[in-house]
Every structure is written in C-alpha cells, then in structure tokens.
Amino acid sequence: MLKYFIIAKNTLQVYFTYRLSFLFWRLQIVISFLIFYYLWSAVAVGKQFLGSYTIPQIYSYFVIGYIIRALVFTTRTGDIGGDIQTGELTSLLLKPIGIIKYYFSRDLSDKLFNLVFMLVEFSLLLLFLRPQLIAPTLPDFLLFLASLLIAVVLFFFYSLIISFLTFWTETAWSSRFLFGVVFINLFSGQYLPLDLLPRPIFHLLNYTPFPYLYYYPVRFWLGKETGPQAFFILLISFLILVFFYLLAHFLWVRGKLRYQAYGN
C-alpha cells in the first residue's frame, strides 16, 4: 500500500504547483452554491412548504449538498482520457501497480484536498448566511454516512467507465461533458429535489445511478427515508455500484487489447 500512498502524495503536490488553477476551481464551486442558495431563498419567500419540504429542509438540502459535492464529484479520472490519447498510459502499464488502484488513490487524495478547503468555505458560509438547518438523528446520520460512502465509490467507477470509452473513441471530452457534467448536474438532484419533478420522470431516474449520488444521501440526512425503505435504497445503490465495478473492469480488460502507443 506504500506505493499508492506515494501516488496520493504526489497528486497533492500537483495542487501546490498549480495553486491559481485550484483557487479558481474552488471559487467556481462557492459561486455556484451561492447562486442556488439565493435562488431557492427567493422561491421560499412567504412559504412554509415547497412540495414535501419545509423551508429549513430546503436550506439543509443545498447546504448539506455542498459537502456531498466536495466528497463525491471531485475526481481525477478525467485524466485517463488524456493518458490514453497521449500514450502516457504506457508508462503506467510498465510499473508494478494496478491501474484502477492507481487512479483510485489519486481520487482519494483529490477528495481529501478538496475536503480541507471545503470545511473552511463551509464554516464561512454558515457564519455569514446563518441558514436554518436540520440536524439528523443518529440513525439518520449513520444512513447518511453509508449512502455517502457508496456514492463516493459509485461515482469513481461511473467516471472511470466514461474515461475508458476513450479506448473506442478519438476523444473522451464529449462523453465526459454529457455523462459526467450534464447528466450528473441535471439528474442527481443538485439543481432541485428530484421528487419535485413529474412522477414518471422521478420513477425513471430511480433506475439510474444519478439519484444515489446526491439526492438520496441528502434525504437520509433530512430523515425522509427511514425503515425498510431506507435499507432498500441502500441495497439498490450497492447493487448499482457492483454493476459499475464489474463493467469498469470489463472495459479495462477489453480496452487494453485495443490500446496502442508509438514513439519513444
């Protein structure tokens, strides 16, 4: 495991090399959060409920979602497409490391670094905005942690699969933008609680991985998923995780057979 620790350490050093780029990335996240926070604050004026949510629950939905975004949606798997295209993957294949473990260790390093800055930003936002937040009970918090852990690993393999498509396409940019940005933002519940959508669309999304990355973890925090229904949701998300894990390994094995690199 020492070699993967070194890989994670080297990933952190890259951030300190490109500090300005990282600063703009964090600024983008803060601005994005503030836009949605004030948008829903305006919608909530004069209301006691929005759908099945009280106003404090709506605030909590987006504020707790800020933590989820920092832990779940930060990833280094986007580098894989470039490594495949430029032939950098060859140097990795020659080293005594597992490729998936290599990128997962980089992902964990990325999440840890973002988490540190997120905690600072989060504290400042709470200090200045002073939103009404819902505190979970202990069972709800444990369900939240379980769903968050599944979401972290699930998104890793989901993003890994998108990058592995580069073995069959000339570039991973278009597929990553569509499936890794547009679909994630629209269908994971980051813009609005998914149960506010028409029922047929909401039920259809439950057969995709997207709600289990953001929507359901927040629902667990709010105490809106309890009893057998909560464990059923965790079971479904875990089964989807297993499916994406197997699919990622299958694409990796098949992709290596297509991979070619030339030159020095």
C-alpha atoms as a PDB file:
ATOM      1  CA  MET A   1       0.000   0.000   0.000  1.00  0.00           C
ATOM      2  CA  LEU A   2       3.002   2.300   0.423  1.00  0.00           C
ATOM      3  CA  LYS A   3       3.286   2.882  -3.328  1.00  0.00           C
ATOM      4  CA  TYR A   4      -0.329   4.072  -3.510  1.00  0.00           C
ATOM      5  CA  PHE A   5       0.286   6.394  -0.571  1.00  0.00           C
ATOM      6  CA  ILE A   6       3.194   7.905  -2.517  1.00  0.00           C
ATOM      7  CA  ILE A   7       0.943   8.289  -5.570  1.00  0.00           C
ATOM      8  CA  ALA A   8      -1.612  10.139  -3.446  1.00  0.00           C
ATOM      9  CA  LYS A   9       1.139  12.341  -2.010  1.00  0.00           C
ATOM     10  CA  ASN A  10       2.414  13.218  -5.495  1.00  0.00           C
ATOM     11  CA  THR A  11      -1.137  14.132  -6.529  1.00  0.00           C
ATOM     12  CA  LEU A  12      -1.317  16.623  -3.654  1.00  0.00           C
ATOM     13  CA  GLN A  13       1.961  18.196  -4.745  1.00  0.00           C
ATOM     14  CA  VAL A  14       0.436  18.946  -8.152  1.00  0.00           C
ATOM     15  CA  TYR A  15      -2.164  21.154  -6.486  1.00  0.00           C
ATOM     16  CA  PHE A  16       0.510  23.213  -4.783  1.00  0.00           C
ATOM     17  CA  THR A  17       2.221  23.607  -8.160  1.00  0.00           C
ATOM     18  CA  TYR A  18      -0.927  24.930  -9.853  1.00  0.00           C
ATOM     19  CA  ARG A  19      -2.356  26.923  -6.949  1.00  0.00           C
ATOM     20  CA  LEU A  20      -4.126  29.562  -9.045  1.00  0.00           C
ATOM     21  CA  SER A  21      -5.980  26.937 -11.069  1.00  0.00           C
ATOM     22  CA  PHE A  22      -7.161  25.257  -7.881  1.00  0.00           C
ATOM     23  CA  LEU A  23      -8.226  28.612  -6.421  1.00  0.00           C
ATOM     24  CA  PHE A  24     -10.440  29.328  -9.427  1.00  0.00           C
ATOM     25  CA  TRP A  25     -11.920  25.833  -9.167  1.00  0.00           C
ATOM     26  CA  ARG A  26     -12.915  26.381  -5.532  1.00  0.00           C
ATOM     27  CA  LEU A  27     -14.234  29.855  -6.348  1.00  0.00           C
ATOM     28  CA  GLN A  28     -16.437  28.365  -9.046  1.00  0.00           C
ATOM     29  CA  ILE A  29     -17.934  25.898  -6.546  1.00  0.00           C
ATOM     30  CA  VAL A  30     -18.643  28.623  -3.977  1.00  0.00           C
ATOM     31  CA  ILE A  31     -20.294  30.899  -6.555  1.00  0.00           C
ATOM     32  CA  SER A  32     -22.375  28.015  -7.877  1.00  0.00           C
ATOM     33  CA  PHE A  33     -23.579  27.218  -4.374  1.00  0.00           C
ATOM     34  CA  LEU A  34     -24.459  30.859  -3.643  1.00  0.00           C
ATOM     35  CA  ILE A  35     -26.471  31.127  -6.861  1.00  0.00           C
ATOM     36  CA  PHE A  36     -28.643  28.140  -5.948  1.00  0.00           C
ATOM     37  CA  TYR A  37     -28.879  29.149  -2.304  1.00  0.00           C
ATOM     38  CA  TYR A  38     -30.201  32.634  -3.071  1.00  0.00           C
ATOM     39  CA  LEU A  39     -32.390  31.332  -5.891  1.00  0.00           C
ATOM     40  CA  TRP A  40     -34.194  28.921  -3.573  1.00  0.00           C
ATOM     41  CA  SER A  41     -34.255  31.545  -0.829  1.00  0.00           C
ATOM     42  CA  ALA A  42     -36.209  33.771  -3.199  1.00  0.00           C
ATOM     43  CA  VAL A  43     -38.553  30.928  -4.121  1.00  0.00           C
ATOM     44  CA  ALA A  44     -39.167  30.187  -0.435  1.00  0.00           C
ATOM     45  CA  VAL A  45     -40.184  33.745   0.500  1.00  0.00           C
ATOM     46  CA  GLY A  46     -43.621  33.739   2.127  1.00  0.00           C
ATOM     47  CA  LYS A  47     -43.940  29.947   2.000  1.00  0.00           C
ATOM     48  CA  GLN A  48     -43.904  27.286   4.677  1.00  0.00           C
ATOM     49  CA  PHE A  49     -43.532  24.315   2.336  1.00  0.00           C
ATOM     50  CA  LEU A  50     -42.047  23.597  -1.062  1.00  0.00           C
ATOM     51  CA  GLY A  51     -43.513  20.292  -2.120  1.00  0.00           C
ATOM     52  CA  SER A  52     -42.966  17.918   0.826  1.00  0.00           C
ATOM     53  CA  TYR A  53     -40.114  20.030   2.234  1.00  0.00           C
ATOM     54  CA  THR A  54     -40.239  22.635   4.963  1.00  0.00           C
ATOM     55  CA  ILE A  55     -38.156  25.737   4.362  1.00  0.00           C
ATOM     56  CA  PRO A  56     -35.391  24.628   6.807  1.00  0.00           C
ATOM     57  CA  GLN A  57     -35.289  21.302   4.946  1.00  0.00           C
ATOM     58  CA  ILE A  58     -34.842  23.107   1.626  1.00  0.00           C
ATOM     59  CA  TYR A  59     -31.943  25.110   3.072  1.00  0.00           C
ATOM     60  CA  SER A  60     -30.442  21.923   4.503  1.00  0.00           C
ATOM     61  CA  TYR A  61     -30.877  20.158   1.171  1.00  0.00           C
ATOM     62  CA  PHE A  62     -28.482  22.527  -0.573  1.00  0.00           C
ATOM     63  CA  VAL A  63     -26.142  23.277   2.325  1.00  0.00           C
ATOM     64  CA  ILE A  64     -25.513  19.595   3.118  1.00  0.00           C
ATOM     65  CA  GLY A  65     -25.330  19.020  -0.614  1.00  0.00           C
ATOM     66  CA  TYR A  66     -22.300  21.325  -0.612  1.00  0.00           C
ATOM     67  CA  ILE A  67     -20.453  18.733   1.477  1.00  0.00           C
ATOM     68  CA  ILE A  68     -21.609  15.907  -0.769  1.00  0.00           C
ATOM     69  CA  ARG A  69     -20.387  17.652  -3.896  1.00  0.00           C
ATOM     70  CA  ALA A  70     -16.922  18.098  -2.388  1.00  0.00           C
ATOM     71  CA  LEU A  71     -16.665  14.428  -1.470  1.00  0.00           C
ATOM     72  CA  VAL A  72     -18.461  12.717  -4.335  1.00  0.00           C
ATOM     73  CA  PHE A  73     -17.991  14.737  -7.513  1.00  0.00           C
ATOM     74  CA  THR A  74     -14.307  15.636  -7.258  1.00  0.00           C
ATOM     75  CA  THR A  75     -12.279  13.170  -9.298  1.00  0.00           C
ATOM     76  CA  ARG A  76      -9.011  12.647 -11.158  1.00  0.00           C
ATOM     77  CA  THR A  77     -10.393  10.043 -13.540  1.00  0.00           C
ATOM     78  CA  GLY A  78     -10.778  12.740 -16.177  1.00  0.00           C
ATOM     79  CA  ASP A  79      -7.011  12.456 -16.700  1.00  0.00           C
ATOM     80  CA  ILE A  80      -7.364   8.908 -18.026  1.00  0.00           C
ATOM     81  CA  GLY A  81      -8.642  10.002 -21.429  1.00  0.00           C
ATOM     82  CA  GLY A  82      -5.582  12.196 -21.932  1.00  0.00           C
ATOM     83  CA  ASP A  83      -3.257   9.422 -20.731  1.00  0.00           C
ATOM     84  CA  ILE A  84      -4.747   7.053 -23.299  1.00  0.00           C
ATOM     85  CA  GLN A  85      -4.610   9.586 -26.142  1.00  0.00           C
ATOM     86  CA  THR A  86      -1.049  10.751 -25.487  1.00  0.00           C
ATOM     87  CA  GLY A  87       0.348   7.309 -24.716  1.00  0.00           C
ATOM     88  CA  GLU A  88       1.190   8.204 -21.111  1.00  0.00           C
ATOM     89  CA  LEU A  89      -0.752   5.118 -20.097  1.00  0.00           C
ATOM     90  CA  THR A  90       2.156   3.017 -21.383  1.00  0.00           C
ATOM     91  CA  SER A  91       4.461   4.194 -18.594  1.00  0.00           C
ATOM     92  CA  LEU A  92       1.823   3.244 -16.044  1.00  0.00           C
ATOM     93  CA  LEU A  93       1.369  -0.200 -17.556  1.00  0.00           C
ATOM     94  CA  LEU A  94       5.086  -0.829 -17.173  1.00  0.00           C
ATOM     95  CA  LYS A  95       5.021  -0.104 -13.449  1.00  0.00           C
ATOM     96  CA  PRO A  96       4.129  -2.668 -10.756  1.00  0.00           C
ATOM     97  CA  ILE A  97       0.816  -1.010  -9.894  1.00  0.00           C
ATOM     98  CA  GLY A  98      -2.845  -1.725 -10.507  1.00  0.00           C
ATOM     99  CA  ILE A  99      -4.226   0.938 -12.846  1.00  0.00           C
ATOM    100  CA  ILE A 100      -7.625   1.145 -11.167  1.00  0.00           C
ATOM    101  CA  LYS A 101      -5.998   1.288  -7.723  1.00  0.00           C
ATOM    102  CA  TYR A 102      -3.633   3.963  -9.051  1.00  0.00           C
ATOM    103  CA  TYR A 103      -6.464   6.238 -10.132  1.00  0.00           C
ATOM    104  CA  PHE A 104      -8.496   5.470  -7.017  1.00  0.00           C
ATOM    105  CA  SER A 105      -5.602   6.565  -4.790  1.00  0.00           C
ATOM    106  CA  ARG A 106      -5.362   9.786  -6.810  1.00  0.00           C
ATOM    107  CA  ASP A 107      -9.112  10.234  -6.405  1.00  0.00           C
ATOM    108  CA  LEU A 108      -8.902   9.870  -2.620  1.00  0.00           C
ATOM    109  CA  SER A 109      -6.071  12.391  -2.500  1.00  0.00           C
ATOM    110  CA  ASP A 110      -8.127  14.801  -4.598  1.00  0.00           C
ATOM    111  CA  LYS A 111     -11.139  14.412  -2.315  1.00  0.00           C
ATOM    112  CA  LEU A 112      -9.046  14.886   0.823  1.00  0.00           C
ATOM    113  CA  PHE A 113      -7.520  18.097  -0.507  1.00  0.00           C
ATOM    114  CA  ASN A 114     -10.902  19.464  -1.581  1.00  0.00           C
ATOM    115  CA  LEU A 115     -12.421  18.425   1.749  1.00  0.00           C
ATOM    116  CA  VAL A 116      -9.955  20.545   3.713  1.00  0.00           C
ATOM    117  CA  PHE A 117     -10.790  23.663   1.715  1.00  0.00           C
ATOM    118  CA  MET A 118     -14.489  22.801   1.702  1.00  0.00           C
ATOM    119  CA  LEU A 119     -14.562  22.764   5.507  1.00  0.00           C
ATOM    120  CA  VAL A 120     -13.098  26.271   5.592  1.00  0.00           C
ATOM    121  CA  GLU A 121     -15.551  27.523   2.963  1.00  0.00           C
ATOM    122  CA  PHE A 122     -18.424  25.729   4.651  1.00  0.00           C
ATOM    123  CA  SER A 123     -17.663  27.328   8.013  1.00  0.00           C
ATOM    124  CA  LEU A 124     -17.526  30.802   6.446  1.00  0.00           C
ATOM    125  CA  LEU A 125     -20.795  30.235   4.592  1.00  0.00           C
ATOM    126  CA  LEU A 126     -22.545  29.144   7.782  1.00  0.00           C
ATOM    127  CA  LEU A 127     -21.119  32.150   9.622  1.00  0.00           C
ATOM    128  CA  PHE A 128     -22.336  34.716   7.085  1.00  0.00           C
ATOM    129  CA  LEU A 129     -25.526  33.099   5.760  1.00  0.00           C
ATOM    130  CA  ARG A 130     -26.756  31.596   9.046  1.00  0.00           C
ATOM    131  CA  PRO A 131     -29.210  29.237   7.280  1.00  0.00           C
ATOM    132  CA  GLN A 132     -31.866  27.265   9.113  1.00  0.00           C
ATOM    133  CA  LEU A 133     -30.546  23.714   9.100  1.00  0.00           C
ATOM    134  CA  ILE A 134     -31.962  20.344  10.081  1.00  0.00           C
ATOM    135  CA  ALA A 135     -29.798  18.248  12.385  1.00  0.00           C
ATOM    136  CA  PRO A 136     -30.151  14.495  11.753  1.00  0.00           C
ATOM    137  CA  THR A 137     -30.826  11.885  14.389  1.00  0.00           C
ATOM    138  CA  LEU A 138     -28.083   9.318  14.987  1.00  0.00           C
ATOM    139  CA  PRO A 139     -29.781   6.599  12.853  1.00  0.00           C
ATOM    140  CA  ASP A 140     -30.321   9.104  10.037  1.00  0.00           C
ATOM    141  CA  PHE A 141     -26.706  10.242  10.258  1.00  0.00           C
ATOM    142  CA  LEU A 142     -25.450   6.658  10.033  1.00  0.00           C
ATOM    143  CA  LEU A 143     -27.659   6.060   6.990  1.00  0.00           C
ATOM    144  CA  PHE A 144     -26.296   9.278   5.510  1.00  0.00           C
ATOM    145  CA  LEU A 145     -22.694   8.136   6.031  1.00  0.00           C
ATOM    146  CA  ALA A 146     -23.404   4.717   4.484  1.00  0.00           C
ATOM    147  CA  SER A 147     -25.062   6.262   1.430  1.00  0.00           C
ATOM    148  CA  LEU A 148     -22.266   8.826   1.121  1.00  0.00           C
ATOM    149  CA  LEU A 149     -19.603   6.105   1.125  1.00  0.00           C
ATOM    150  CA  ILE A 150     -21.461   4.202  -1.591  1.00  0.00           C
ATOM    151  CA  ALA A 151     -21.879   7.417  -3.592  1.00  0.00           C
ATOM    152  CA  VAL A 152     -18.129   8.161  -3.452  1.00  0.00           C
ATOM    153  CA  VAL A 153     -17.146   4.735  -4.791  1.00  0.00           C
ATOM    154  CA  LEU A 154     -20.045   4.601  -7.247  1.00  0.00           C
ATOM    155  CA  PHE A 155     -19.122   7.917  -8.834  1.00  0.00           C
ATOM    156  CA  PHE A 156     -15.497   6.814  -9.115  1.00  0.00           C
ATOM    157  CA  PHE A 157     -16.413   3.759 -11.183  1.00  0.00           C
ATOM    158  CA  TYR A 158     -19.041   5.703 -13.126  1.00  0.00           C
ATOM    159  CA  SER A 159     -16.451   8.323 -14.073  1.00  0.00           C
ATOM    160  CA  LEU A 160     -13.869   5.619 -14.727  1.00  0.00           C
ATOM    161  CA  ILE A 161     -16.186   3.988 -17.268  1.00  0.00           C
ATOM    162  CA  ILE A 162     -16.625   7.288 -19.100  1.00  0.00           C
ATOM    163  CA  SER A 163     -12.859   7.683 -19.349  1.00  0.00           C
ATOM    164  CA  PHE A 164     -12.373   4.101 -20.546  1.00  0.00           C
ATOM    165  CA  LEU A 165     -14.594   4.924 -23.536  1.00  0.00           C
ATOM    166  CA  THR A 166     -11.523   6.703 -24.928  1.00  0.00           C
ATOM    167  CA  PHE A 167     -10.226   3.265 -25.941  1.00  0.00           C
ATOM    168  CA  TRP A 168     -13.008   3.196 -28.565  1.00  0.00           C
ATOM    169  CA  THR A 169     -13.327   6.892 -29.414  1.00  0.00           C
ATOM    170  CA  GLU A 170     -10.903   9.591 -30.523  1.00  0.00           C
ATOM    171  CA  THR A 171     -11.607  11.759 -27.518  1.00  0.00           C
ATOM    172  CA  ALA A 172     -13.322  11.444 -24.140  1.00  0.00           C
ATOM    173  CA  TRP A 173     -14.281  15.124 -23.924  1.00  0.00           C
ATOM    174  CA  SER A 174     -17.763  14.872 -25.454  1.00  0.00           C
ATOM    175  CA  SER A 175     -18.824  11.789 -23.484  1.00  0.00           C
ATOM    176  CA  ARG A 176     -17.408  13.221 -20.266  1.00  0.00           C
ATOM    177  CA  PHE A 177     -19.223  16.527 -20.751  1.00  0.00           C
ATOM    178  CA  LEU A 178     -22.543  14.790 -21.472  1.00  0.00           C
ATOM    179  CA  PHE A 179     -22.466  11.959 -18.933  1.00  0.00           C
ATOM    180  CA  GLY A 180     -20.076  13.425 -16.361  1.00  0.00           C
ATOM    181  CA  VAL A 181     -21.347  17.003 -16.258  1.00  0.00           C
ATOM    182  CA  VAL A 182     -24.766  17.497 -17.850  1.00  0.00           C
ATOM    183  CA  PHE A 183     -26.406  14.262 -16.677  1.00  0.00           C
ATOM    184  CA  ILE A 184     -24.853  14.479 -13.221  1.00  0.00           C
ATOM    185  CA  ASN A 185     -25.946  18.078 -12.681  1.00  0.00           C
ATOM    186  CA  LEU A 186     -29.470  17.558 -14.000  1.00  0.00           C
ATOM    187  CA  PHE A 187     -30.372  14.115 -12.730  1.00  0.00           C
ATOM    188  CA  SER A 188     -28.549  13.744  -9.407  1.00  0.00           C
ATOM    189  CA  GLY A 189     -30.711  16.358  -7.684  1.00  0.00           C
ATOM    190  CA  GLN A 190     -28.167  19.157  -7.407  1.00  0.00           C
ATOM    191  CA  TYR A 191     -30.474  21.710  -9.013  1.00  0.00           C
ATOM    192  CA  LEU A 192     -33.695  20.726  -7.259  1.00  0.00           C
ATOM    193  CA  PRO A 193     -35.073  17.841  -5.188  1.00  0.00           C
ATOM    194  CA  LEU A 194     -35.949  15.110  -7.677  1.00  0.00           C
ATOM    195  CA  ASP A 195     -39.334  14.372  -6.097  1.00  0.00           C
ATOM    196  CA  LEU A 196     -40.470  17.823  -7.274  1.00  0.00           C
ATOM    197  CA  LEU A 197     -40.235  16.519 -10.843  1.00  0.00           C
ATOM    198  CA  PRO A 198     -43.207  14.805 -12.523  1.00  0.00           C
ATOM    199  CA  ARG A 199     -43.704  11.349 -11.033  1.00  0.00           C
ATOM    200  CA  PRO A 200     -42.937   9.348 -14.212  1.00  0.00           C
ATOM    201  CA  ILE A 201     -39.581  11.127 -14.611  1.00  0.00           C
ATOM    202  CA  PHE A 202     -38.761  10.655 -10.935  1.00  0.00           C
ATOM    203  CA  HIS A 203     -39.523   6.933 -11.041  1.00  0.00           C
ATOM    204  CA  LEU A 204     -37.461   6.554 -14.219  1.00  0.00           C
ATOM    205  CA  LEU A 205     -34.447   8.236 -12.607  1.00  0.00           C
ATOM    206  CA  ASN A 206     -34.536   5.714  -9.765  1.00  0.00           C
ATOM    207  CA  TYR A 207     -33.353   3.103 -12.260  1.00  0.00           C
ATOM    208  CA  THR A 208     -30.223   5.159 -12.954  1.00  0.00           C
ATOM    209  CA  PRO A 209     -27.202   5.787 -10.676  1.00  0.00           C
ATOM    210  CA  PHE A 210     -27.773   9.531 -10.510  1.00  0.00           C
ATOM    211  CA  PRO A 211     -30.175   9.918  -7.522  1.00  0.00           C
ATOM    212  CA  TYR A 212     -27.923   7.749  -5.353  1.00  0.00           C
ATOM    213  CA  LEU A 213     -25.032  10.166  -5.791  1.00  0.00           C
ATOM    214  CA  TYR A 214     -26.683  13.226  -4.249  1.00  0.00           C
ATOM    215  CA  TYR A 215     -30.460  13.118  -3.815  1.00  0.00           C
ATOM    216  CA  TYR A 216     -30.784  10.103  -1.524  1.00  0.00           C
ATOM    217  CA  PRO A 217     -27.800  10.930   0.713  1.00  0.00           C
ATOM    218  CA  VAL A 218     -29.414  14.309   1.430  1.00  0.00           C
ATOM    219  CA  ARG A 219     -32.780  12.605   2.004  1.00  0.00           C
ATOM    220  CA  PHE A 220     -31.150  10.383   4.618  1.00  0.00           C
ATOM    221  CA  TRP A 221     -29.740  13.462   6.370  1.00  0.00           C
ATOM    222  CA  LEU A 222     -33.202  15.032   6.430  1.00  0.00           C
ATOM    223  CA  GLY A 223     -34.755  11.872   7.857  1.00  0.00           C
ATOM    224  CA  LYS A 224     -37.074  11.431   4.888  1.00  0.00           C
ATOM    225  CA  GLU A 225     -36.022   7.846   4.191  1.00  0.00           C
ATOM    226  CA  THR A 226     -36.444   5.511   7.140  1.00  0.00           C
ATOM    227  CA  GLY A 227     -37.236   1.904   7.972  1.00  0.00           C
ATOM    228  CA  PRO A 228     -37.312  -0.779   5.268  1.00  0.00           C
ATOM    229  CA  GLN A 229     -37.407   1.871   2.521  1.00  0.00           C
ATOM    230  CA  ALA A 230     -34.034   3.250   3.655  1.00  0.00           C
ATOM    231  CA  PHE A 231     -32.350  -0.154   3.553  1.00  0.00           C
ATOM    232  CA  PHE A 232     -33.958  -0.881   0.184  1.00  0.00           C
ATOM    233  CA  ILE A 233     -32.430   2.328  -1.218  1.00  0.00           C
ATOM    234  CA  LEU A 234     -29.008   1.393   0.182  1.00  0.00           C
ATOM    235  CA  LEU A 235     -29.339  -2.095  -1.312  1.00  0.00           C
ATOM    236  CA  ILE A 236     -30.226  -0.728  -4.758  1.00  0.00           C
ATOM    237  CA  SER A 237     -27.356   1.758  -4.681  1.00  0.00           C
ATOM    238  CA  PHE A 238     -24.947  -1.008  -3.633  1.00  0.00           C
ATOM    239  CA  LEU A 239     -26.136  -3.284  -6.448  1.00  0.00           C
ATOM    240  CA  ILE A 240     -25.649  -0.447  -8.941  1.00  0.00           C
ATOM    241  CA  LEU A 241     -22.144   0.028  -7.507  1.00  0.00           C
ATOM    242  CA  VAL A 242     -21.344  -3.663  -8.037  1.00  0.00           C
ATOM    243  CA  PHE A 243     -22.624  -3.453 -11.618  1.00  0.00           C
ATOM    244  CA  PHE A 244     -20.446  -0.426 -12.427  1.00  0.00           C
ATOM    245  CA  TYR A 245     -17.459  -2.060 -10.712  1.00  0.00           C
ATOM    246  CA  LEU A 246     -17.799  -5.153 -12.929  1.00  0.00           C
ATOM    247  CA  LEU A 247     -18.428  -3.019 -16.019  1.00  0.00           C
ATOM    248  CA  ALA A 248     -15.324  -0.896 -15.339  1.00  0.00           C
ATOM    249  CA  HIS A 249     -13.147  -3.986 -15.016  1.00  0.00           C
ATOM    250  CA  PHE A 250     -14.639  -5.453 -18.197  1.00  0.00           C
ATOM    251  CA  LEU A 251     -13.981  -2.263 -20.175  1.00  0.00           C
ATOM    252  CA  TRP A 252     -10.437  -2.083 -18.791  1.00  0.00           C
ATOM    253  CA  VAL A 253      -9.634  -5.640 -19.880  1.00  0.00           C
ATOM    254  CA  ARG A 254     -11.177  -5.113 -23.325  1.00  0.00           C
ATOM    255  CA  GLY A 255      -9.687  -1.640 -23.697  1.00  0.00           C
ATOM    256  CA  LYS A 256      -6.132  -2.832 -23.080  1.00  0.00           C
ATOM    257  CA  LEU A 257      -6.476  -5.099 -26.101  1.00  0.00           C
ATOM    258  CA  ARG A 258      -7.210  -2.074 -28.278  1.00  0.00           C
ATOM    259  CA  TYR A 259      -4.619   0.246 -26.756  1.00  0.00           C
ATOM    260  CA  GLN A 260      -1.674   1.207 -28.953  1.00  0.00           C
ATOM    261  CA  ALA A 261       1.152   3.668 -28.331  1.00  0.00           C
ATOM    262  CA  TYR A 262       4.030   4.622 -30.596  1.00  0.00           C
ATOM    263  CA  GLY A 263       7.274   6.572 -30.375  1.00  0.00           C
ATOM    264  CA  ASN A 264       9.782   6.954 -27.561  1.00  0.00           C
END
